[in-house]
Amino acid sequence: MPEIRFNADTHPELVRQVTVWLESTDSDRTAADVVEGSAALTKDALRIVAASAPAPIADSELVKRLTELGHSAVDAQRDATLAGLDALAQATDGTLVKKVSEGGAKAAYEMNAKVAKQLMKSLLGG
């Protein structure tokens, strides 16, 4: 099983390492890939935070339910974002984003390069 590890003393340092790692991936990633990857990363973070509590707290029903609620919220946001991409693709006839493949319930999108650069710039704060 592949494994990725980050070692940092501070949260900003960890965020920087994850950002560098994410930016090092293939440029063939679609907007849907980014949405799916972000959702998975957020859910993993929720699991790590919940597990880092002292055992009596981490094992409590409250923490388990809050983690499940967080996962549900992440899934809902992921689904809404993908639905928004689909609607945008349909509304603009593919001029801003266009669906390039369909795999079951998941779709991949290709974004206009200029729009994609501006979006990444705003997401990364640059």
N, C-alpha and C. Protein backbone atom coordinates (compact mmCIF):
# COMPACT_ATOMS: atom_id res chain seq x y z
N MET A 1 0.84 -1.17 0.00
CA MET A 1 0.00 0.00 0.00
C MET A 1 0.89 1.25 0.00
N PRO A 2 0.74 2.14 -0.98
CA PRO A 2 1.54 3.37 -1.01
C PRO A 2 1.23 4.23 0.22
N GLU A 3 2.24 4.96 0.63
CA GLU A 3 2.08 5.81 1.80
C GLU A 3 2.80 7.13 1.58
N ILE A 4 2.19 8.20 2.04
CA ILE A 4 2.79 9.53 1.95
C ILE A 4 2.91 10.06 3.37
N ARG A 5 4.08 10.60 3.70
CA ARG A 5 4.29 11.15 5.03
C ARG A 5 4.82 12.57 4.93
N PHE A 6 4.33 13.41 5.81
CA PHE A 6 4.81 14.77 5.94
C PHE A 6 5.28 14.93 7.38
N ASN A 7 6.38 15.64 7.54
CA ASN A 7 6.93 15.85 8.88
C ASN A 7 7.11 17.34 9.07
N ALA A 8 6.36 17.91 10.00
CA ALA A 8 6.44 19.35 10.24
C ALA A 8 6.20 19.63 11.71
N ASP A 9 6.81 20.71 12.20
CA ASP A 9 6.63 21.12 13.58
C ASP A 9 5.45 22.07 13.75
N THR A 10 5.08 22.74 12.66
CA THR A 10 3.99 23.72 12.75
C THR A 10 2.97 23.47 11.65
N HIS A 11 1.76 23.96 11.87
CA HIS A 11 0.70 23.82 10.87
C HIS A 11 1.07 24.52 9.56
N PRO A 12 1.56 25.77 9.57
CA PRO A 12 1.93 26.41 8.30
C PRO A 12 2.98 25.63 7.52
N GLU A 13 3.92 25.03 8.24
CA GLU A 13 4.95 24.22 7.57
C GLU A 13 4.33 22.98 6.92
N LEU A 14 3.40 22.35 7.62
CA LEU A 14 2.71 21.19 7.06
C LEU A 14 1.89 21.58 5.84
N VAL A 15 1.17 22.69 5.91
CA VAL A 15 0.38 23.16 4.78
C VAL A 15 1.29 23.44 3.58
N ARG A 16 2.45 24.05 3.82
CA ARG A 16 3.40 24.33 2.74
C ARG A 16 3.86 23.03 2.09
N GLN A 17 4.19 22.03 2.89
CA GLN A 17 4.64 20.74 2.35
C GLN A 17 3.55 20.07 1.51
N VAL A 18 2.32 20.08 2.01
CA VAL A 18 1.22 19.47 1.27
C VAL A 18 0.98 20.24 -0.03
N THR A 19 1.04 21.57 0.03
CA THR A 19 0.84 22.39 -1.16
C THR A 19 1.90 22.08 -2.21
N VAL A 20 3.15 22.00 -1.80
CA VAL A 20 4.24 21.66 -2.74
C VAL A 20 4.00 20.28 -3.34
N TRP A 21 3.59 19.33 -2.51
CA TRP A 21 3.32 17.99 -3.02
C TRP A 21 2.18 17.99 -4.02
N LEU A 22 1.09 18.70 -3.69
CA LEU A 22 -0.05 18.76 -4.61
C LEU A 22 0.32 19.43 -5.93
N GLU A 23 1.15 20.47 -5.87
CA GLU A 23 1.55 21.16 -7.09
C GLU A 23 2.49 20.33 -7.95
N SER A 24 3.14 19.33 -7.34
CA SER A 24 4.09 18.51 -8.09
C SER A 24 3.42 17.42 -8.91
N THR A 25 2.11 17.26 -8.77
CA THR A 25 1.42 16.21 -9.50
C THR A 25 1.32 16.55 -10.98
N ASP A 26 0.94 15.58 -11.74
CA ASP A 26 0.76 15.76 -13.19
C ASP A 26 -0.15 16.94 -13.49
N SER A 27 0.16 17.66 -14.53
CA SER A 27 -0.70 18.77 -14.94
C SER A 27 -1.96 18.26 -15.63
N ASP A 28 -2.09 16.95 -15.78
CA ASP A 28 -3.27 16.37 -16.42
C ASP A 28 -4.45 16.27 -15.46
N ARG A 29 -4.30 16.78 -14.24
CA ARG A 29 -5.40 16.72 -13.28
C ARG A 29 -6.53 17.63 -13.74
N THR A 30 -7.72 17.12 -13.61
CA THR A 30 -8.89 17.89 -14.00
C THR A 30 -9.45 18.60 -12.77
N ALA A 31 -10.39 19.50 -13.00
CA ALA A 31 -11.04 20.18 -11.89
C ALA A 31 -11.73 19.16 -10.99
N ALA A 32 -12.33 18.14 -11.57
CA ALA A 32 -12.99 17.10 -10.78
C ALA A 32 -11.97 16.34 -9.93
N ASP A 33 -10.77 16.11 -10.47
CA ASP A 33 -9.72 15.45 -9.69
C ASP A 33 -9.36 16.27 -8.46
N VAL A 34 -9.25 17.58 -8.65
CA VAL A 34 -8.91 18.47 -7.55
C VAL A 34 -10.00 18.45 -6.49
N VAL A 35 -11.26 18.49 -6.92
CA VAL A 35 -12.39 18.47 -5.98
C VAL A 35 -12.38 17.15 -5.20
N GLU A 36 -12.23 16.03 -5.90
CA GLU A 36 -12.21 14.73 -5.25
C GLU A 36 -11.02 14.61 -4.29
N GLY A 37 -9.85 15.04 -4.74
CA GLY A 37 -8.66 14.97 -3.90
C GLY A 37 -8.77 15.85 -2.66
N SER A 38 -9.32 17.02 -2.83
CA SER A 38 -9.51 17.93 -1.69
C SER A 38 -10.47 17.34 -0.67
N ALA A 39 -11.54 16.72 -1.15
CA ALA A 39 -12.51 16.10 -0.25
C ALA A 39 -11.86 14.96 0.52
N ALA A 40 -11.10 14.14 -0.16
CA ALA A 40 -10.43 13.01 0.51
C ALA A 40 -9.41 13.52 1.54
N LEU A 41 -8.67 14.56 1.18
CA LEU A 41 -7.69 15.13 2.10
C LEU A 41 -8.37 15.71 3.34
N THR A 42 -9.49 16.38 3.16
CA THR A 42 -10.23 16.96 4.28
C THR A 42 -10.76 15.87 5.20
N LYS A 43 -11.29 14.80 4.60
CA LYS A 43 -11.80 13.70 5.41
C LYS A 43 -10.67 13.01 6.19
N ASP A 44 -9.51 12.88 5.56
CA ASP A 44 -8.36 12.31 6.27
C ASP A 44 -7.95 13.22 7.43
N ALA A 45 -7.97 14.52 7.20
CA ALA A 45 -7.63 15.46 8.27
C ALA A 45 -8.60 15.34 9.43
N LEU A 46 -9.88 15.19 9.13
CA LEU A 46 -10.87 15.01 10.20
C LEU A 46 -10.58 13.75 11.02
N ARG A 47 -10.20 12.68 10.34
CA ARG A 47 -9.87 11.43 11.04
C ARG A 47 -8.65 11.61 11.93
N ILE A 48 -7.64 12.32 11.42
CA ILE A 48 -6.40 12.54 12.19
C ILE A 48 -6.68 13.38 13.42
N VAL A 49 -7.46 14.45 13.25
CA VAL A 49 -7.78 15.31 14.39
C VAL A 49 -8.57 14.52 15.44
N ALA A 50 -9.55 13.75 15.01
CA ALA A 50 -10.34 12.97 15.96
C ALA A 50 -9.48 11.94 16.68
N ALA A 51 -8.58 11.30 15.97
CA ALA A 51 -7.75 10.26 16.57
C ALA A 51 -6.68 10.83 17.50
N SER A 52 -6.35 12.12 17.33
CA SER A 52 -5.29 12.70 18.15
C SER A 52 -5.76 13.09 19.55
N ALA A 53 -7.05 13.05 19.78
CA ALA A 53 -7.58 13.36 21.11
C ALA A 53 -7.22 12.22 22.07
N PRO A 54 -7.19 12.53 23.36
CA PRO A 54 -6.96 11.44 24.33
C PRO A 54 -8.00 10.34 24.14
N ALA A 55 -7.61 9.11 24.40
CA ALA A 55 -8.45 7.93 24.13
C ALA A 55 -9.89 8.05 24.62
N PRO A 56 -10.14 8.49 25.85
CA PRO A 56 -11.54 8.57 26.29
C PRO A 56 -12.37 9.53 25.43
N ILE A 57 -11.73 10.58 24.94
CA ILE A 57 -12.44 11.54 24.10
C ILE A 57 -12.55 11.01 22.67
N ALA A 58 -11.44 10.52 22.12
CA ALA A 58 -11.42 10.02 20.75
C ALA A 58 -12.41 8.88 20.55
N ASP A 59 -12.60 8.07 21.58
CA ASP A 59 -13.50 6.92 21.48
C ASP A 59 -14.94 7.26 21.83
N SER A 60 -15.20 8.51 22.20
CA SER A 60 -16.56 8.88 22.61
C SER A 60 -17.50 8.94 21.41
N GLU A 61 -18.76 8.72 21.69
CA GLU A 61 -19.78 8.79 20.64
C GLU A 61 -19.86 10.19 20.05
N LEU A 62 -19.65 11.22 20.87
CA LEU A 62 -19.70 12.60 20.38
C LEU A 62 -18.67 12.84 19.29
N VAL A 63 -17.44 12.44 19.54
CA VAL A 63 -16.38 12.64 18.55
C VAL A 63 -16.65 11.79 17.31
N LYS A 64 -17.11 10.58 17.49
CA LYS A 64 -17.42 9.73 16.34
C LYS A 64 -18.52 10.35 15.48
N ARG A 65 -19.56 10.86 16.12
CA ARG A 65 -20.67 11.48 15.38
C ARG A 65 -20.24 12.78 14.71
N LEU A 66 -19.42 13.58 15.41
CA LEU A 66 -18.93 14.83 14.81
C LEU A 66 -18.05 14.54 13.59
N THR A 67 -17.24 13.49 13.67
CA THR A 67 -16.41 13.10 12.53
C THR A 67 -17.29 12.64 11.37
N GLU A 68 -18.30 11.85 11.65
CA GLU A 68 -19.24 11.42 10.61
C GLU A 68 -19.95 12.61 9.98
N LEU A 69 -20.35 13.56 10.83
CA LEU A 69 -21.01 14.77 10.34
C LEU A 69 -20.07 15.56 9.43
N GLY A 70 -18.80 15.66 9.85
CA GLY A 70 -17.80 16.34 9.02
C GLY A 70 -17.64 15.65 7.67
N HIS A 71 -17.61 14.33 7.68
CA HIS A 71 -17.48 13.57 6.42
C HIS A 71 -18.70 13.81 5.53
N SER A 72 -19.88 13.83 6.14
CA SER A 72 -21.11 14.09 5.37
C SER A 72 -21.08 15.48 4.75
N ALA A 73 -20.61 16.45 5.51
CA ALA A 73 -20.52 17.83 5.00
C ALA A 73 -19.53 17.91 3.85
N VAL A 74 -18.40 17.24 3.98
CA VAL A 74 -17.40 17.23 2.91
C VAL A 74 -17.97 16.57 1.65
N ASP A 75 -18.66 15.45 1.83
CA ASP A 75 -19.27 14.76 0.68
C ASP A 75 -20.31 15.64 0.01
N ALA A 76 -21.11 16.34 0.81
CA ALA A 76 -22.14 17.21 0.24
C ALA A 76 -21.51 18.36 -0.53
N GLN A 77 -20.43 18.93 0.00
CA GLN A 77 -19.74 20.03 -0.68
C GLN A 77 -19.11 19.53 -1.98
N ARG A 78 -18.50 18.35 -1.93
CA ARG A 78 -17.90 17.76 -3.13
C ARG A 78 -18.96 17.56 -4.21
N ASP A 79 -20.10 16.99 -3.82
CA ASP A 79 -21.17 16.73 -4.78
C ASP A 79 -21.73 18.03 -5.36
N ALA A 80 -21.88 19.04 -4.50
CA ALA A 80 -22.40 20.34 -4.96
C ALA A 80 -21.40 21.01 -5.91
N THR A 81 -20.13 20.90 -5.62
CA THR A 81 -19.11 21.50 -6.49
C THR A 81 -19.09 20.81 -7.84
N LEU A 82 -19.15 19.49 -7.85
CA LEU A 82 -19.17 18.76 -9.12
C LEU A 82 -20.44 19.06 -9.91
N ALA A 83 -21.57 19.20 -9.21
CA ALA A 83 -22.82 19.56 -9.88
C ALA A 83 -22.71 20.98 -10.46
N GLY A 84 -22.04 21.87 -9.73
CA GLY A 84 -21.83 23.23 -10.22
C GLY A 84 -20.96 23.25 -11.46
N LEU A 85 -19.91 22.42 -11.47
CA LEU A 85 -19.06 22.32 -12.66
C LEU A 85 -19.87 21.81 -13.86
N ASP A 86 -20.72 20.83 -13.60
CA ASP A 86 -21.56 20.28 -14.66
C ASP A 86 -22.51 21.35 -15.20
N ALA A 87 -23.14 22.10 -14.30
CA ALA A 87 -24.06 23.16 -14.71
C ALA A 87 -23.33 24.24 -15.48
N LEU A 88 -22.13 24.60 -15.02
CA LEU A 88 -21.34 25.61 -15.71
C LEU A 88 -20.95 25.14 -17.11
N ALA A 89 -20.59 23.87 -17.22
CA ALA A 89 -20.24 23.32 -18.52
C ALA A 89 -21.43 23.38 -19.47
N GLN A 90 -22.62 23.06 -18.96
CA GLN A 90 -23.82 23.09 -19.80
C GLN A 90 -24.21 24.52 -20.15
N ALA A 91 -24.14 25.42 -19.17
CA ALA A 91 -24.59 26.80 -19.39
C ALA A 91 -23.68 27.56 -20.35
N THR A 92 -22.40 27.22 -20.38
CA THR A 92 -21.46 27.95 -21.24
C THR A 92 -21.11 27.18 -22.51
N ASP A 93 -21.81 26.10 -22.75
CA ASP A 93 -21.53 25.25 -23.91
C ASP A 93 -20.06 24.87 -24.01
N GLY A 94 -19.44 24.69 -22.86
CA GLY A 94 -18.05 24.24 -22.82
C GLY A 94 -17.01 25.32 -23.04
N THR A 95 -17.39 26.60 -23.04
CA THR A 95 -16.38 27.65 -23.26
C THR A 95 -15.54 27.92 -22.02
N LEU A 96 -16.09 27.75 -20.81
CA LEU A 96 -15.30 27.93 -19.59
C LEU A 96 -14.79 26.59 -19.09
N VAL A 97 -15.69 25.65 -18.93
CA VAL A 97 -15.32 24.28 -18.57
C VAL A 97 -16.13 23.35 -19.44
N LYS A 98 -15.57 22.17 -19.71
CA LYS A 98 -16.35 21.20 -20.46
C LYS A 98 -16.10 19.82 -19.89
N LYS A 99 -17.13 19.01 -19.92
CA LYS A 99 -17.03 17.63 -19.44
C LYS A 99 -16.24 16.86 -20.49
N VAL A 100 -15.18 16.18 -20.02
CA VAL A 100 -14.35 15.45 -20.98
C VAL A 100 -14.45 13.95 -20.83
N SER A 101 -15.00 13.47 -19.71
CA SER A 101 -15.22 12.04 -19.58
C SER A 101 -16.25 11.78 -18.51
N GLU A 102 -16.83 10.64 -18.57
CA GLU A 102 -17.84 10.24 -17.59
C GLU A 102 -17.46 8.86 -17.09
N GLY A 103 -17.41 8.68 -15.79
CA GLY A 103 -17.08 7.39 -15.22
C GLY A 103 -18.04 7.09 -14.09
N GLY A 104 -19.11 6.40 -14.37
CA GLY A 104 -20.11 6.16 -13.34
C GLY A 104 -20.76 7.48 -12.95
N ALA A 105 -20.77 7.76 -11.66
CA ALA A 105 -21.38 9.00 -11.18
C ALA A 105 -20.40 10.16 -11.18
N LYS A 106 -19.13 9.91 -11.52
CA LYS A 106 -18.12 10.95 -11.47
C LYS A 106 -17.79 11.42 -12.88
N ALA A 107 -17.63 12.71 -13.03
CA ALA A 107 -17.29 13.27 -14.33
C ALA A 107 -16.01 14.07 -14.21
N ALA A 108 -15.22 14.10 -15.26
CA ALA A 108 -14.01 14.92 -15.30
C ALA A 108 -14.30 16.13 -16.16
N TYR A 109 -13.68 17.24 -15.82
CA TYR A 109 -13.90 18.49 -16.54
C TYR A 109 -12.57 19.06 -16.99
N GLU A 110 -12.61 19.74 -18.10
CA GLU A 110 -11.44 20.43 -18.62
C GLU A 110 -11.77 21.91 -18.56
N MET A 111 -10.90 22.70 -17.97
CA MET A 111 -11.17 24.11 -17.78
C MET A 111 -10.33 24.93 -18.76
N ASN A 112 -10.91 26.00 -19.26
CA ASN A 112 -10.20 26.96 -20.07
C ASN A 112 -8.92 27.34 -19.32
N ALA A 113 -7.75 27.32 -19.99
CA ALA A 113 -6.46 27.54 -19.33
C ALA A 113 -6.40 28.87 -18.58
N LYS A 114 -6.90 29.93 -19.17
CA LYS A 114 -6.86 31.24 -18.53
C LYS A 114 -7.71 31.24 -17.25
N VAL A 115 -8.88 30.63 -17.31
CA VAL A 115 -9.76 30.55 -16.15
C VAL A 115 -9.10 29.68 -15.07
N ALA A 116 -8.49 28.57 -15.48
CA ALA A 116 -7.85 27.67 -14.52
C ALA A 116 -6.71 28.37 -13.79
N LYS A 117 -5.89 29.13 -14.51
CA LYS A 117 -4.78 29.84 -13.87
C LYS A 117 -5.29 30.85 -12.86
N GLN A 118 -6.33 31.58 -13.20
CA GLN A 118 -6.90 32.56 -12.28
C GLN A 118 -7.51 31.89 -11.06
N LEU A 119 -8.17 30.75 -11.26
CA LEU A 119 -8.77 30.02 -10.16
C LEU A 119 -7.69 29.52 -9.20
N MET A 120 -6.63 28.93 -9.74
CA MET A 120 -5.55 28.43 -8.89
C MET A 120 -4.87 29.57 -8.14
N LYS A 121 -4.71 30.70 -8.80
CA LYS A 121 -4.11 31.87 -8.18
C LYS A 121 -4.95 32.32 -6.99
N SER A 122 -6.27 32.35 -7.15
CA SER A 122 -7.13 32.78 -6.06
C SER A 122 -7.19 31.74 -4.94
N LEU A 123 -7.15 30.45 -5.29
CA LEU A 123 -7.19 29.41 -4.27
C LEU A 123 -5.92 29.35 -3.44
N LEU A 124 -4.79 29.59 -4.10
CA LEU A 124 -3.50 29.51 -3.41
C LEU A 124 -3.06 30.84 -2.82
N GLY A 125 -3.88 31.87 -3.04
CA GLY A 125 -3.59 33.17 -2.45
C GLY A 125 -2.45 33.91 -3.11
N GLY A 126 -2.19 33.62 -4.35
CA GLY A 126 -1.03 34.24 -5.01
C GLY A 126 -1.36 35.28 -6.00
